[in-house]
Protein backbone atom coordinates (compact mmCIF):
# COMPACT_ATOMS: atom_id res chain seq x y z
CA MET A 1 52.48 52.96 216.97
CA THR A 2 54.93 50.39 215.87
CA VAL A 3 58.18 51.69 214.57
CA PRO A 4 59.44 49.57 211.71
CA SER A 5 62.75 48.08 212.36
CA TYR A 6 65.42 47.89 209.78
CA GLY A 7 68.30 45.55 209.61
CA PRO A 8 71.78 46.70 210.34
CA THR A 9 73.19 49.01 207.77
CA THR A 10 75.98 47.39 205.84
CA HIS A 11 78.81 49.47 204.47
CA ARG A 12 80.66 48.17 201.51
CA ARG A 13 84.33 48.69 201.80
CA THR A 14 85.99 50.16 198.76
CA PRO A 15 88.45 47.63 197.48
CA PRO A 16 92.03 48.83 197.61
CA PRO A 17 93.41 50.00 194.30
CA ARG A 18 95.11 47.29 192.40
CA PRO A 19 98.80 47.75 191.91
CA ARG A 20 99.57 48.88 188.42
CA GLY A 21 101.31 46.40 186.21
CA LEU A 22 104.68 46.88 184.66
CA ALA A 23 103.18 47.86 181.30
CA ALA A 24 101.06 50.62 182.87
CA ARG A 25 104.08 52.02 184.68
CA LEU A 26 106.27 51.98 181.60
CA ARG A 27 103.67 53.55 179.30
CA PRO A 28 104.30 57.22 180.33
CA ILE A 29 108.04 56.65 180.11
CA ALA A 30 107.66 55.19 176.63
CA VAL A 31 105.54 58.16 175.50
CA ILE A 32 108.09 60.67 176.82
CA ALA A 33 110.93 58.76 175.19
CA LEU A 34 109.05 58.73 171.87
CA VAL A 35 108.42 62.48 172.03
CA VAL A 36 112.09 63.14 172.81
CA LEU A 37 113.15 60.88 169.95
CA VAL A 38 110.79 62.38 167.39
CA MET A 39 111.06 66.05 168.37
CA GLY A 40 114.07 66.47 170.61
CA VAL A 41 116.68 64.75 168.47
CA PRO A 42 116.02 66.80 165.29
CA LEU A 43 115.91 70.02 167.33
CA TRP A 44 119.18 69.13 169.02
CA LEU A 45 120.77 68.34 165.65
CA VAL A 46 119.77 71.75 164.28
CA VAL A 47 121.08 73.67 167.29
CA VAL A 48 124.43 71.90 167.68
CA THR A 49 125.13 71.97 163.94
CA ALA A 50 124.34 75.69 163.77
CA GLY A 51 126.83 76.26 166.57
CA LYS A 52 129.73 74.45 164.91
CA SER A 53 132.44 75.62 162.57
CA GLN A 54 132.45 74.70 158.89
CA ALA A 55 134.95 71.87 159.37
CA GLU A 56 132.98 70.30 162.23
CA ALA A 57 129.65 70.62 160.40
CA LEU A 58 130.73 68.82 157.21
CA SER A 59 129.15 65.64 158.59
CA PRO A 60 126.23 66.74 160.81
CA ASP A 61 125.88 64.65 163.97
CA LEU A 62 124.63 64.99 167.53
CA SER A 63 128.01 65.77 169.08
CA LEU A 64 128.67 69.10 170.78
CA PRO A 65 130.93 71.61 169.03
CA THR A 66 134.40 72.09 170.43
CA ARG A 67 133.72 75.83 170.47
CA TRP A 68 130.29 77.37 170.19
CA GLN A 69 129.97 79.98 167.44
CA LEU A 70 126.20 80.10 167.07
CA TRP A 71 125.95 83.89 167.23
CA GLN A 72 128.70 84.32 164.65
CA ASN A 73 126.93 81.95 162.26
CA LEU A 74 123.60 83.69 162.77
CA ALA A 75 125.20 87.09 162.11
CA GLN A 76 126.89 85.78 158.96
CA VAL A 77 123.65 84.34 157.64
CA TRP A 78 121.78 87.55 158.43
CA GLN A 79 124.25 89.62 156.41
CA GLN A 80 125.19 87.34 153.52
CA GLY A 81 121.92 85.48 153.07
CA GLU A 82 119.76 88.59 152.50
CA VAL A 83 117.55 87.56 155.39
CA PRO A 84 116.01 91.03 156.05
CA ALA A 85 114.65 91.30 152.51
CA ALA A 86 113.34 87.72 152.60
CA LEU A 87 111.78 88.34 156.03
CA LEU A 88 109.97 91.38 154.69
CA GLY A 89 108.75 89.38 151.72
CA SER A 90 107.41 86.63 153.98
CA LEU A 91 105.60 89.17 156.17
CA LEU A 92 104.06 90.85 153.10
CA VAL A 93 102.60 87.52 152.04
CA VAL A 94 101.84 85.79 155.33
CA ALA A 95 100.14 88.59 157.30
CA PRO A 96 97.49 89.52 154.67
CA SER A 97 96.92 85.86 153.77
CA VAL A 98 96.26 84.84 157.38
CA ALA A 99 94.05 87.85 158.08
CA LEU A 100 92.03 87.34 154.90
CA VAL A 101 91.54 83.59 155.24
CA LEU A 102 90.53 83.90 158.90
CA THR A 103 88.04 86.70 158.21
CA LEU A 104 86.37 85.14 155.17
CA GLY A 105 86.55 81.63 156.58
CA SER A 106 84.94 82.56 159.90
CA MET A 107 82.14 84.49 158.18
CA ALA A 108 81.44 81.58 155.81
CA SER A 109 81.51 79.14 158.71
CA TRP A 110 78.94 81.18 160.62
CA VAL A 111 76.53 81.09 157.68
CA LEU A 112 77.08 77.38 157.03
CA ALA A 113 76.58 76.51 160.70
CA ARG A 114 73.40 78.54 161.25
CA ARG A 115 71.50 77.85 158.02
CA ALA A 116 70.80 74.12 157.93
CA THR A 117 69.72 73.69 154.32
CA ARG A 118 70.63 71.09 151.75
CA LEU A 119 72.44 73.67 149.69
CA ASN A 120 74.59 74.70 152.64
CA ALA A 121 75.32 71.05 153.42
CA VAL A 122 76.60 70.60 149.87
CA LEU A 123 78.59 73.83 150.08
CA TYR A 124 80.15 72.71 153.38
CA ALA A 125 81.16 69.38 151.87
CA LEU A 126 82.71 71.16 148.89
CA ALA A 127 84.48 73.64 151.17
CA ILE A 128 86.18 71.06 153.38
CA SER A 129 87.04 68.85 150.40
CA GLY A 130 90.00 71.14 149.85
CA ILE A 131 91.67 69.53 152.87
CA VAL A 132 92.17 66.25 151.02
CA LEU A 133 92.11 67.35 147.38
CA PRO A 134 95.41 68.94 146.25
CA PRO A 135 95.08 72.07 144.09
CA ALA A 136 96.27 71.94 140.49
CA VAL A 137 99.39 74.10 140.30
CA VAL A 138 99.36 74.45 136.51
CA THR A 139 95.75 75.60 136.54
CA ILE A 140 96.48 78.11 139.29
CA VAL A 141 99.41 79.61 137.39
CA LEU A 142 97.43 79.87 134.15
CA LEU A 143 94.50 81.49 135.95
CA LEU A 144 96.77 84.04 137.62
CA ARG A 145 98.26 84.90 134.22
CA GLN A 146 94.78 85.48 132.80
CA LEU A 147 93.99 87.77 135.75
CA GLY A 148 97.32 89.59 135.50
CA LEU A 149 98.34 88.53 139.01
CA ALA A 150 101.11 86.07 138.17
CA GLY A 151 104.38 86.91 139.89
CA SER A 152 102.77 89.37 142.29
CA PRO A 153 102.30 89.23 146.08
CA LEU A 154 98.58 89.85 145.55
CA GLY A 155 98.33 86.71 143.46
CA MET A 156 100.22 84.71 146.09
CA ILE A 157 97.88 86.01 148.81
CA GLY A 158 94.89 84.90 146.73
CA VAL A 159 96.40 81.44 146.26
CA TYR A 160 97.02 80.93 149.97
CA THR A 161 93.55 82.23 150.83
CA GLY A 162 91.88 79.78 148.48
CA ILE A 163 94.02 76.81 149.48
CA TYR A 164 93.64 77.13 153.25
CA MET A 165 90.07 78.38 153.42
CA SER A 166 88.86 74.80 153.82
CA THR A 167 90.96 74.32 156.95
CA VAL A 168 89.44 77.36 158.64
CA ILE A 169 85.90 76.37 157.66
CA PHE A 170 86.41 72.87 159.05
CA PHE A 171 87.53 74.12 162.46
CA VAL A 172 85.25 77.13 162.86
CA THR A 173 81.98 75.57 161.65
CA GLY A 174 82.02 72.93 164.37
CA PHE A 175 82.80 75.56 166.98
CA VAL A 176 79.96 77.87 165.87
CA ARG A 177 77.47 75.02 166.16
CA SER A 178 78.31 74.75 169.86
CA VAL A 179 77.52 78.45 170.49
CA PRO A 180 73.96 78.96 171.81
CA ILE A 181 71.81 80.64 169.20
CA ALA A 182 70.00 82.53 171.97
CA LEU A 183 72.95 84.93 172.14
CA GLU A 184 72.38 85.95 168.52
CA GLU A 185 68.63 86.23 169.00
CA ALA A 186 69.14 88.54 171.98
CA ALA A 187 71.43 90.76 169.91
CA ARG A 188 68.88 90.89 167.07
CA MET A 189 66.14 91.89 169.52
CA ASP A 190 68.36 94.81 170.52
CA GLY A 191 68.41 95.93 166.89
CA ALA A 192 71.77 94.53 165.80
CA GLY A 193 72.17 93.61 162.15
CA PRO A 194 74.02 90.55 160.79
CA VAL A 195 77.39 92.30 160.69
CA ARG A 196 77.00 93.63 164.22
CA VAL A 197 75.92 90.21 165.49
CA PHE A 198 78.95 88.57 163.94
CA VAL A 199 81.47 91.17 165.12
CA SER A 200 80.07 91.73 168.63
CA VAL A 201 78.74 88.27 169.54
CA ILE A 202 80.24 85.52 167.40
CA LEU A 203 83.76 86.78 166.74
CA PRO A 204 84.78 87.19 170.42
CA LEU A 205 83.66 83.61 171.09
CA LEU A 206 85.79 82.33 168.21
CA ARG A 207 89.09 83.39 169.74
CA PRO A 208 90.21 79.90 170.83
CA VAL A 209 89.52 78.24 167.50
CA LEU A 210 90.89 81.20 165.54
CA ALA A 211 94.10 80.97 167.56
CA THR A 212 94.41 77.34 166.49
CA ALA A 213 93.70 78.21 162.87
CA THR A 214 96.23 81.04 163.03
CA ILE A 215 98.97 78.65 164.12
CA LEU A 216 98.14 76.17 161.38
CA ILE A 217 97.85 78.72 158.56
CA CYS A 218 101.02 80.54 159.64
CA LEU A 219 102.87 77.24 159.71
CA TYR A 220 101.68 76.27 156.23
CA VAL A 221 102.25 79.63 154.58
CA TRP A 222 105.50 80.55 156.35
CA ASN A 223 107.24 77.29 155.37
CA ASP A 224 105.82 77.03 151.87
CA VAL A 225 108.31 76.95 149.03
CA PHE A 226 106.37 74.92 146.45
CA TYR A 227 103.62 77.38 145.52
CA ALA A 228 105.87 80.39 146.10
CA PHE A 229 108.36 79.01 143.59
CA PHE A 230 105.76 78.70 140.82
CA VAL A 231 103.79 81.88 141.54
CA ILE A 232 106.29 84.54 142.69
CA GLY A 233 109.64 82.81 142.16
CA GLY A 234 112.32 85.34 141.25
CA ARG A 235 110.11 88.38 141.81
CA LEU A 236 109.68 88.37 145.58
CA ASP A 237 111.78 86.42 148.04
CA THR A 238 110.29 84.69 151.06
CA LEU A 239 112.46 83.03 153.68
CA PRO A 240 112.02 79.41 152.47
CA LEU A 241 112.35 80.48 148.84
CA ASN A 242 115.46 82.51 149.60
CA LEU A 243 117.03 79.57 151.46
CA PHE A 244 116.34 77.33 148.47
CA GLN A 245 117.87 79.83 146.07
CA VAL A 246 121.04 80.57 148.03
CA ALA A 247 121.60 76.87 148.73
CA ASN A 248 121.02 76.03 145.08
CA ALA A 249 123.40 78.80 143.99
CA GLY A 250 126.23 77.24 146.02
CA LEU A 251 126.49 80.00 148.63
CA TYR A 252 125.88 77.47 151.39
CA LEU A 253 127.48 74.53 149.61
CA ASP A 254 128.94 72.21 152.29
CA ASN A 255 128.19 74.94 154.84
CA TRP A 256 125.74 73.00 156.93
CA HIS A 257 126.35 75.26 159.90
CA LEU A 258 125.01 78.20 157.90
CA ILE A 259 122.02 76.25 156.57
CA PHE A 260 120.96 75.21 160.05
CA ALA A 261 121.57 78.74 161.34
CA TYR A 262 119.25 80.01 158.60
CA ILE A 263 116.62 77.47 159.71
CA ILE A 264 116.83 78.81 163.26
CA LEU A 265 116.32 82.39 162.07
CA MET A 266 113.43 81.30 159.87
CA SER A 267 111.73 79.49 162.77
CA LEU A 268 111.96 82.27 165.37
CA PRO A 269 108.87 84.23 164.18
CA LEU A 270 106.77 81.06 164.27
CA LEU A 271 107.94 80.37 167.81
CA VAL A 272 106.81 83.85 168.82
CA VAL A 273 103.35 83.32 167.29
CA PHE A 274 103.06 79.93 168.97
CA ALA A 275 104.08 81.35 172.35
CA VAL A 276 101.40 84.05 172.10
CA ALA A 277 98.57 81.74 170.99
CA GLN A 278 99.49 78.45 172.68
CA ARG A 279 97.04 78.90 175.58
CA ARG A 280 94.08 78.69 173.23
CA ILE A 281 95.32 75.98 170.87
CA ILE A 282 94.01 72.91 172.72
CA SER A 283 90.60 74.44 173.45
CA GLY A 284 90.32 75.50 169.82
CA ILE A 285 91.10 72.01 168.52
CA THR A 286 88.59 70.31 170.82
CA GLY A 287 85.93 72.93 170.22
CA GLY A 288 86.23 72.91 166.43
CA ALA A 289 86.93 69.26 165.69
CA VAL A 290 85.15 67.39 168.50
CA LYS A 291 82.02 69.42 169.09
């Protein structure tokens, strides 16, 4: 029996990695420098100005204060700026708005993602159109007056829910489409109804994308002064609306150190929310927008 002979085995050597050019080496440095310039400089300006005295803060700049008095300025703003009442007003509006828009938006997204009909396709297009189409403020105010909700926190909650529902539907619908439908079918075979399927199967899987939506909706609602001014202005103070009113009344006139101290106090709750949900933000964005 003749054993076939093969030629010598040749091994291709992996070519050595090419040395990176100057542009490739400088690209990460340029990105970091851009991030520091865009985000770090404004943050530094807020902190150092809030820590200065009134005389030093007349012309805000990036220089360090001769003597830090950040805590004194924060305490003065907390007492004189009526921050506790404004904080309570913001919580009364933000917490129900976020909970309502996330609940209704996730339920609507589940239906739109699972029922592939022409009607649902049209409804989905109409739902996400709110991202690019600005709401008519005059129409909203007139409608709230007809419903008897003008100037009330309930009316403001309804406005925020309607405005930001499209954002939640956009993120969550794409995420639901990536969830295997076999999980729902298995739950239905065990006798679970639609509500049980959504609460027990779908909702736990939506935690990453809901964390992302929570950050976005909290950011929008917490910093809003435009809609709050027209809907509940003068009847319930939120933190941005209170800052606008006290600055407009002259309480913080030429007191830039107090204005920036107020901004720090107003931003702390958002930082807490971001710190709690930041682990799921990136996965929620990729799951909802890419998939």
